[in-house]
């Protein structure tokens, strides 16, 4: 049974759009001067216990905060503490102790159990957190409903802008809110989620359904973006549901299940596309849509393979409608492809149809590639499944930024 619902975007809101969530941030002196935003230590707090769900990097060398939070996710939590500028990765026992201490510092400030605190870090790999500065900075954080914007700034590293979104979800049973913030501009080739993302809702959601809904949304969005082919050691997405709206409980058989899944999917999709759009040095957002696949998994795999192609990224940057890059990526994707059925379009231009190149107006296609957003559409004509992936183009500025990242 599915009830009717509608989504209303809430301008200017992010992680504190949902009732009962407060946030704030401060500068602790962790992040370098190259960052667009100075704030580097943030705190997100739920006034009542919130059910939690999460997805994490599949890297075999995960950050110490990932280890701590992965052990705590799935139980009720009250807060998340996060820093930028230092990833706390490959830092040994000292780094693990520091991640645990960060949860203790947040708990002490808030008067809660440290086990109710999740932790995340992002930044340079292989350096220890400046715990003296963090100890001094945590008490300075001021929490408020308006603090979501500061929190969004504090989680950034090489991002050129913050990434936030929120919706009011109107249903027959009442309304609830869901909002989120994310960061990411480099080391983006997720195999679970993005660099860091934090999503909150005041709906009451059954824990198992909360986790399955998040994983489903992540697979369709964050797992379908690429900037540079590098999977981060710190990838984390948290989803907290505190029930303050009075709507729910929402489970898989609830009339509100589709409303919740849809709203969560929209939040994740917006944040994922904003990350790809903000790729280091990027000038274009590239969308690749693959239809006619035998399975959804193959559609996603093919779309991601094309979007991740370095040569295609370079071609888009150079305004070169070189559809051969798409063919090469599809052929190497590992999915079933029949050349005689394959069709490729760039915007309104058909470039390849059922195994044959199609003459097209190259100068007009080059002008289309001057647009900030471009789309390649592939039809495999082998089935009924479709998926999209998103990427940034590849520019000289990406190389420059990453050649001096720690200096």
Protein backbone atom coordinates (compact mmCIF):
# COMPACT_ATOMS: atom_id res chain seq x y z
CA UNK A 1 0.00 0.00 0.00
CA UNK A 2 1.40 3.39 -1.03
CA UNK A 3 0.01 6.72 0.16
CA UNK A 4 0.13 9.98 -1.80
CA UNK A 5 2.91 12.44 -1.05
CA UNK A 6 4.70 15.47 -2.43
CA UNK A 7 8.14 16.98 -1.87
CA UNK A 8 8.73 20.66 -1.24
CA UNK A 9 12.30 21.91 -1.36
CA UNK A 10 13.31 24.07 1.61
CA UNK A 11 15.70 26.76 0.47
CA UNK A 12 18.63 27.58 2.74
CA UNK A 13 18.40 24.41 4.82
CA UNK A 14 20.55 21.30 5.21
CA UNK A 15 21.22 18.99 8.15
CA UNK A 16 19.21 21.08 10.63
CA UNK A 17 16.02 21.33 8.55
CA UNK A 18 14.54 18.37 10.46
CA UNK A 19 13.09 19.13 13.89
CA UNK A 20 15.32 18.38 16.85
CA UNK A 21 18.66 18.68 15.06
CA UNK A 22 21.21 21.35 15.93
CA UNK A 23 24.65 21.99 14.49
CA UNK A 24 27.63 24.28 14.74
CA UNK A 25 31.30 24.61 13.84
CA UNK A 26 34.52 26.39 14.69
CA UNK A 27 38.07 26.81 13.45
CA UNK A 28 40.51 24.55 15.30
CA UNK A 29 43.57 25.17 13.13
CA UNK A 30 43.49 21.78 11.38
CA UNK A 31 42.81 22.87 7.82
CA UNK A 32 45.36 24.59 5.60
CA UNK A 33 45.10 28.01 4.02
CA UNK A 34 44.27 26.54 0.57
CA UNK A 35 40.69 25.77 1.65
CA UNK A 36 37.82 27.97 0.50
CA UNK A 37 36.20 27.79 3.96
CA UNK A 38 38.17 28.24 7.18
CA UNK A 39 35.92 26.30 9.57
CA UNK A 40 37.28 22.78 10.17
CA UNK A 41 35.53 21.23 13.21
CA UNK A 42 31.79 20.57 13.17
CA UNK A 43 29.22 19.05 15.50
CA UNK A 44 25.76 17.71 14.66
CA UNK A 45 23.40 16.97 17.56
CA UNK A 46 19.96 15.39 17.94
CA UNK A 47 17.99 16.55 20.98
CA UNK A 48 16.57 13.03 21.33
CA UNK A 49 18.13 9.66 20.45
CA UNK A 50 18.09 9.01 16.71
CA UNK A 51 18.13 5.70 14.88
CA UNK A 52 21.26 5.47 12.75
CA UNK A 53 22.29 3.94 9.44
CA UNK A 54 25.52 4.22 7.51
CA UNK A 55 27.63 3.12 4.59
CA UNK A 56 31.41 3.19 4.57
CA UNK A 57 34.40 2.85 2.31
CA UNK A 58 35.39 -0.65 1.23
CA UNK A 59 39.05 0.35 1.25
CA UNK A 60 41.30 -2.19 3.00
CA UNK A 61 43.00 0.78 4.70
CA UNK A 62 40.04 2.65 6.20
CA UNK A 63 40.42 5.73 8.35
CA UNK A 64 40.38 5.34 12.11
CA UNK A 65 37.07 7.26 12.37
CA UNK A 66 35.54 4.75 9.94
CA UNK A 67 36.54 1.91 12.26
CA UNK A 68 35.00 3.63 15.26
CA UNK A 69 31.74 4.64 13.57
CA UNK A 70 31.28 1.35 11.73
CA UNK A 71 31.20 -0.40 15.12
CA UNK A 72 28.52 1.98 16.44
CA UNK A 73 26.19 2.41 13.47
CA UNK A 74 22.77 0.78 13.67
CA UNK A 75 22.12 1.75 17.27
CA UNK A 76 20.54 4.99 18.58
CA UNK A 77 22.97 7.92 18.56
CA UNK A 78 22.84 11.57 19.57
CA UNK A 79 25.71 13.30 17.78
CA UNK A 80 28.34 13.33 15.06
CA UNK A 81 31.67 15.12 15.38
CA UNK A 82 33.66 15.72 12.20
CA UNK A 83 36.86 17.49 11.22
CA UNK A 84 38.44 18.45 7.91
CA UNK A 85 42.10 18.99 7.10
CA UNK A 86 43.31 15.65 8.51
CA UNK A 87 41.82 12.29 7.48
CA UNK A 88 43.27 10.36 10.45
CA UNK A 89 44.18 7.49 8.10
CA UNK A 90 47.23 5.21 8.41
CA UNK A 91 47.90 6.65 11.86
CA UNK A 92 48.11 3.47 13.96
CA UNK A 93 47.01 3.08 17.55
CA UNK A 94 47.52 6.77 18.27
CA UNK A 95 45.09 7.66 15.47
CA UNK A 96 42.50 5.20 16.76
CA UNK A 97 42.83 6.64 20.27
CA UNK A 98 42.40 10.15 18.83
CA UNK A 99 39.20 9.16 16.98
CA UNK A 100 37.80 7.72 20.21
CA UNK A 101 38.82 10.84 22.11
CA UNK A 102 36.95 13.01 19.64
CA UNK A 103 33.74 11.16 20.52
CA UNK A 104 34.55 11.60 24.20
CA UNK A 105 35.10 15.34 23.79
CA UNK A 106 31.76 15.72 22.00
CA UNK A 107 30.00 13.62 24.63
CA UNK A 108 31.49 15.68 27.44
CA UNK A 109 30.28 18.90 25.83
CA UNK A 110 26.79 17.53 25.27
CA UNK A 111 26.40 15.54 28.49
CA UNK A 112 25.79 12.23 26.72
CA UNK A 113 27.41 8.79 26.51
CA UNK A 114 30.47 8.67 24.17
CA UNK A 115 28.96 5.54 22.58
CA UNK A 116 26.15 7.79 21.31
CA UNK A 117 28.63 9.79 19.20
CA UNK A 118 29.77 9.01 15.66
CA UNK A 119 32.98 10.48 14.21
CA UNK A 120 34.29 11.30 10.74
CA UNK A 121 37.44 12.95 9.40
CA UNK A 122 38.63 14.08 5.98
CA UNK A 123 41.81 15.63 4.64
CA UNK A 124 45.46 14.67 4.39
CA UNK A 125 46.32 10.98 4.89
CA UNK A 126 49.13 9.92 7.23
CA UNK A 127 49.20 12.79 9.72
CA UNK A 128 48.03 12.78 13.32
CA UNK A 129 45.20 14.99 14.48
CA UNK A 130 46.30 18.05 16.50
CA UNK A 131 44.39 16.90 19.57
CA UNK A 132 45.47 19.84 21.71
CA UNK A 133 43.78 22.23 19.28
CA UNK A 134 40.71 20.02 19.06
CA UNK A 135 40.40 19.78 22.85
CA UNK A 136 40.47 23.57 23.03
CA UNK A 137 38.06 24.05 20.12
CA UNK A 138 35.19 21.67 20.95
CA UNK A 139 33.85 23.81 23.84
CA UNK A 140 33.75 26.82 21.48
CA UNK A 141 31.18 25.22 19.16
CA UNK A 142 27.78 26.87 19.49
CA UNK A 143 24.86 24.66 18.45
CA UNK A 144 21.73 26.08 16.81
CA UNK A 145 19.13 25.41 14.12
CA UNK A 146 20.97 27.96 11.97
CA UNK A 147 24.30 26.17 12.48
CA UNK A 148 23.77 23.76 9.61
CA UNK A 149 25.42 26.17 7.18
CA UNK A 150 28.53 26.39 9.38
CA UNK A 151 28.61 22.60 9.68
CA UNK A 152 28.50 22.31 5.87
CA UNK A 153 31.52 24.61 5.61
CA UNK A 154 33.48 22.78 8.30
CA UNK A 155 33.41 19.44 6.46
CA UNK A 156 34.95 20.80 3.24
CA UNK A 157 38.54 20.44 2.02
CA UNK A 158 39.20 21.38 -1.63
CA UNK A 159 35.49 22.01 -2.25
CA UNK A 160 34.79 25.36 -3.90
CA UNK A 161 31.30 25.55 -2.39
CA UNK A 162 29.12 23.88 0.21
CA UNK A 163 26.61 21.19 -0.71
CA UNK A 164 23.27 21.20 1.13
CA UNK A 165 19.65 20.23 0.41
CA UNK A 166 16.41 19.75 2.38
CA UNK A 167 12.81 18.81 1.69
CA UNK A 168 9.48 18.92 3.48
CA UNK A 169 7.61 15.70 2.69
CA UNK A 170 3.84 16.12 2.77
CA UNK A 171 1.84 12.92 3.30
CA UNK A 172 -1.68 11.93 4.29
CA UNK A 173 -0.31 11.15 7.78
CA UNK A 174 1.38 14.52 8.24
CA UNK A 175 4.67 16.04 7.13
CA UNK A 176 8.29 15.30 7.94
CA UNK A 177 11.57 16.82 6.91
CA UNK A 178 14.77 15.38 5.52
CA UNK A 179 17.98 17.24 4.77
CA UNK A 180 21.65 16.69 4.23
CA UNK A 181 25.11 18.08 3.64
CA UNK A 182 28.07 16.55 1.84
CA UNK A 183 31.64 17.31 0.87
CA UNK A 184 33.82 16.06 -1.92
CA UNK A 185 35.79 17.43 -4.85
CA UNK A 186 38.68 14.97 -5.23
CA UNK A 187 39.42 11.29 -4.55
CA UNK A 188 35.91 10.49 -5.76
CA UNK A 189 35.27 7.04 -7.21
CA UNK A 190 33.05 5.60 -4.47
CA UNK A 191 32.38 1.97 -3.80
CA UNK A 192 29.75 2.64 -1.17
CA UNK A 193 29.16 6.35 -0.83
CA UNK A 194 30.94 9.64 -1.19
CA UNK A 195 33.72 11.29 0.77
CA UNK A 196 31.45 12.45 3.60
CA UNK A 197 27.68 12.92 3.70
CA UNK A 198 25.32 13.54 6.61
CA UNK A 199 21.55 13.14 6.28
CA UNK A 200 18.93 13.77 8.96
CA UNK A 201 15.19 13.29 9.18
CA UNK A 202 12.57 13.89 11.85
CA UNK A 203 10.50 10.93 10.63
CA UNK A 204 10.40 7.82 12.82
CA UNK A 205 11.94 5.04 10.74
CA UNK A 206 12.37 1.36 11.63
CA UNK A 207 16.14 0.66 11.93
CA UNK A 208 16.35 -2.14 9.37
CA UNK A 209 14.35 -0.15 6.83
CA UNK A 210 16.51 2.91 7.53
CA UNK A 211 19.66 0.96 6.60
CA UNK A 212 18.19 -0.76 3.54
CA UNK A 213 16.76 2.52 2.25
CA UNK A 214 20.11 4.24 2.63
CA UNK A 215 21.98 1.47 0.84
CA UNK A 216 19.46 1.52 -2.00
CA UNK A 217 19.78 5.30 -2.38
CA UNK A 218 23.58 5.19 -2.19
CA UNK A 219 23.80 2.55 -4.92
CA UNK A 220 21.81 4.73 -7.33
CA UNK A 221 23.55 8.03 -6.55
CA UNK A 222 26.79 8.28 -4.60
CA UNK A 223 28.07 5.01 -6.04
CA UNK A 224 27.47 6.37 -9.54
CA UNK A 225 29.78 9.40 -9.43
CA UNK A 226 33.39 9.82 -10.45
CA UNK A 227 35.92 12.64 -10.43
CA UNK A 228 39.34 11.03 -10.63
CA UNK A 229 39.04 7.25 -10.21
CA UNK A 230 40.42 7.31 -6.65
CA UNK A 231 38.32 5.76 -3.88
CA UNK A 232 38.79 7.55 -0.57
CA UNK A 233 39.86 5.79 2.62
CA UNK A 234 37.33 7.92 4.53
CA UNK A 235 34.09 7.43 2.58
CA UNK A 236 31.15 7.71 4.98
CA UNK A 237 27.43 8.42 4.77
CA UNK A 238 25.39 8.76 7.95
CA UNK A 239 21.57 8.81 8.11
CA UNK A 240 19.91 9.76 11.41
CA UNK A 241 16.16 9.59 12.13
CA UNK A 242 14.92 11.04 15.43
CA UNK A 243 11.12 10.80 15.02
CA UNK A 244 10.45 14.35 16.26
CA UNK A 245 7.85 15.01 13.54
CA UNK A 246 5.55 12.35 14.97
CA UNK A 247 5.24 10.76 11.52
CA UNK A 248 5.87 7.04 11.54
CA UNK A 249 7.14 4.55 12.42
CA UNK A 250 7.96 3.93 8.76
CA UNK A 251 8.88 0.39 7.74
CA UNK A 252 8.92 -1.57 4.48
CA UNK A 253 5.16 -2.26 4.64
CA UNK A 254 4.20 1.26 5.71
CA UNK A 255 2.05 3.45 3.41
CA UNK A 256 4.80 6.06 3.93
CA UNK A 257 7.64 3.80 2.79
CA UNK A 258 7.69 5.10 -0.77
CA UNK A 259 7.52 8.72 0.39
CA UNK A 260 10.55 8.21 2.61
CA UNK A 261 12.54 6.31 -0.02
CA UNK A 262 11.73 8.92 -2.65
CA UNK A 263 12.73 11.84 -0.44
CA UNK A 264 15.95 10.13 0.63
CA UNK A 265 16.75 9.37 -3.00
CA UNK A 266 16.26 13.01 -3.98
CA UNK A 267 18.56 14.20 -1.19
CA UNK A 268 21.27 11.74 -2.18
CA UNK A 269 20.91 12.51 -5.89
CA UNK A 270 21.27 16.24 -5.37
CA UNK A 271 24.33 15.88 -3.15
CA UNK A 272 25.97 13.33 -5.46
CA UNK A 273 25.54 15.54 -8.53
CA UNK A 274 26.85 18.56 -6.64
CA UNK A 275 30.00 16.63 -5.74
CA UNK A 276 30.58 15.64 -9.38
CA UNK A 277 29.84 19.20 -10.51
CA UNK A 278 32.41 20.54 -8.03
CA UNK A 279 35.25 18.22 -9.06
CA UNK A 280 38.67 19.77 -8.60
CA UNK A 281 39.28 22.07 -11.56
CA UNK A 282 36.08 20.91 -13.27
CA UNK A 283 34.22 22.96 -15.87
CA UNK A 284 31.55 20.43 -16.85
CA UNK A 285 29.12 18.05 -15.21
CA UNK A 286 28.85 14.94 -17.38
CA UNK A 287 25.78 12.71 -17.17
CA UNK A 288 25.89 9.27 -18.77
CA UNK A 289 22.59 7.42 -19.09
CA UNK A 290 22.60 3.80 -20.23
CA UNK A 291 19.30 2.19 -21.19
CA UNK A 292 18.30 -1.09 -22.76
CA UNK A 293 20.49 -3.14 -20.40
CA UNK A 294 19.70 -6.72 -19.40
CA UNK A 295 19.80 -5.91 -15.67
CA UNK A 296 19.90 -2.83 -13.45
CA UNK A 297 23.35 -3.87 -12.24
CA UNK A 298 24.65 -3.96 -15.83
CA UNK A 299 23.08 -0.59 -16.61
CA UNK A 300 24.82 0.94 -13.58
CA UNK A 301 28.11 -0.75 -14.38
CA UNK A 302 28.09 0.44 -17.98
CA UNK A 303 27.12 4.02 -17.09
CA UNK A 304 29.82 4.19 -14.46
CA UNK A 305 32.44 2.79 -16.82
CA UNK A 306 31.74 5.49 -19.40
CA UNK A 307 31.54 8.29 -16.83
CA UNK A 308 34.86 7.18 -15.31
CA UNK A 309 36.73 7.19 -18.63
CA UNK A 310 39.69 9.56 -18.34
CA UNK A 311 39.87 9.94 -22.11
CA UNK A 312 36.16 10.87 -22.29
CA UNK A 313 36.60 13.40 -19.49
CA UNK A 314 39.49 14.99 -21.39
CA UNK A 315 37.48 15.01 -24.62
CA UNK A 316 34.59 16.83 -22.95
CA UNK A 317 36.99 19.41 -21.52
CA UNK A 318 38.41 19.95 -25.02
CA UNK A 319 34.89 20.16 -26.58
CA UNK A 320 35.70 17.13 -28.72
CA UNK A 321 32.59 15.03 -29.59
CA UNK A 322 34.72 11.88 -29.81
CA UNK A 323 32.11 9.16 -29.35
CA UNK A 324 34.84 6.54 -29.83
CA UNK A 325 35.71 7.13 -26.18
CA UNK A 326 32.22 5.92 -25.25
CA UNK A 327 32.56 2.82 -27.40
CA UNK A 328 35.93 1.98 -25.86
CA UNK A 329 34.61 2.36 -22.31
CA UNK A 330 31.53 0.24 -23.03
CA UNK A 331 33.65 -2.50 -24.58
CA UNK A 332 35.82 -2.65 -21.48
CA UNK A 333 32.95 -2.34 -18.99
CA UNK A 334 32.36 -6.07 -18.62
CA UNK A 335 28.66 -5.87 -19.46
CA UNK A 336 26.93 -7.52 -22.40
CA UNK A 337 27.13 -5.28 -25.50
CA UNK A 338 26.02 -6.07 -29.06
CA UNK A 339 27.63 -3.60 -31.45
CA UNK A 340 24.91 -4.13 -34.03
CA UNK A 341 22.24 -2.93 -31.58
CA UNK A 342 24.18 -0.11 -29.92
CA UNK A 343 23.05 3.53 -30.21
CA UNK A 344 24.93 6.55 -28.79
CA UNK A 345 23.71 10.14 -28.51
CA UNK A 346 25.34 13.34 -27.28
CA UNK A 347 22.57 15.71 -26.28
CA UNK A 348 20.34 15.94 -29.35
CA UNK A 349 23.00 14.55 -31.69
CA UNK A 350 22.87 10.89 -32.69
CA UNK A 351 26.48 9.79 -33.17
CA UNK A 352 26.18 6.02 -33.60
CA UNK A 353 23.12 3.94 -34.45
CA UNK A 354 22.85 0.13 -34.45
CA UNK A 355 26.44 -0.57 -35.34
CA UNK A 356 27.04 2.31 -37.75
CA UNK A 357 28.49 5.82 -37.38
CA UNK A 358 25.94 8.56 -38.11
CA UNK A 359 26.96 11.82 -39.82
CA UNK A 360 26.38 14.78 -37.50
CA UNK A 361 27.12 18.50 -37.42
CA UNK A 362 30.44 18.50 -35.60
CA UNK A 363 30.62 22.25 -35.02
CA UNK A 364 27.15 22.25 -33.46
CA UNK A 365 28.14 19.33 -31.24
CA UNK A 366 31.23 21.26 -30.14
CA UNK A 367 29.03 24.20 -29.23
CA UNK A 368 26.84 21.86 -27.16
CA UNK A 369 29.97 20.75 -25.29
CA UNK A 370 30.47 24.36 -24.17
CA UNK A 371 27.45 23.91 -21.89
CA UNK A 372 28.21 23.46 -18.16
CA UNK A 373 26.15 20.23 -18.21
CA UNK A 374 26.36 17.64 -20.99
CA UNK A 375 24.75 14.23 -21.41
CA UNK A 376 25.67 11.07 -23.26
CA UNK A 377 22.78 8.64 -23.79
CA UNK A 378 23.53 5.02 -24.65
CA UNK A 379 20.94 2.41 -25.64
CA UNK A 380 22.20 -1.17 -25.54
CA UNK A 381 18.86 -2.45 -26.89
CA UNK A 382 19.25 -5.73 -24.99
CA UNK A 383 16.74 -5.28 -22.17
CA UNK A 384 14.60 -2.82 -20.22
CA UNK A 385 16.87 -1.49 -17.49
CA UNK A 386 18.32 2.01 -17.25
CA UNK A 387 20.76 3.84 -14.96
CA UNK A 388 22.76 7.05 -14.88
CA UNK A 389 26.21 8.08 -13.67
CA UNK A 390 27.75 11.51 -13.19
CA UNK A 391 31.30 12.80 -13.54
CA UNK A 392 33.40 15.92 -13.88
CA UNK A 393 35.62 16.65 -16.84
CA UNK A 394 39.42 16.54 -16.50
CA UNK A 395 41.37 19.80 -16.69
CA UNK A 396 44.89 21.09 -16.18
CA UNK A 397 43.71 22.65 -12.92
CA UNK A 398 43.02 19.20 -11.45
CA UNK A 399 46.67 18.26 -12.03
CA UNK A 400 47.89 21.53 -10.53
CA UNK A 401 45.75 21.23 -7.40
CA UNK A 402 46.82 17.67 -6.72
CA UNK A 403 50.49 18.31 -7.43
CA UNK A 404 50.67 20.72 -4.46
CA UNK A 405 47.99 19.30 -2.14
CA UNK A 406 50.23 18.87 0.93
CA UNK A 407 52.65 21.70 0.19
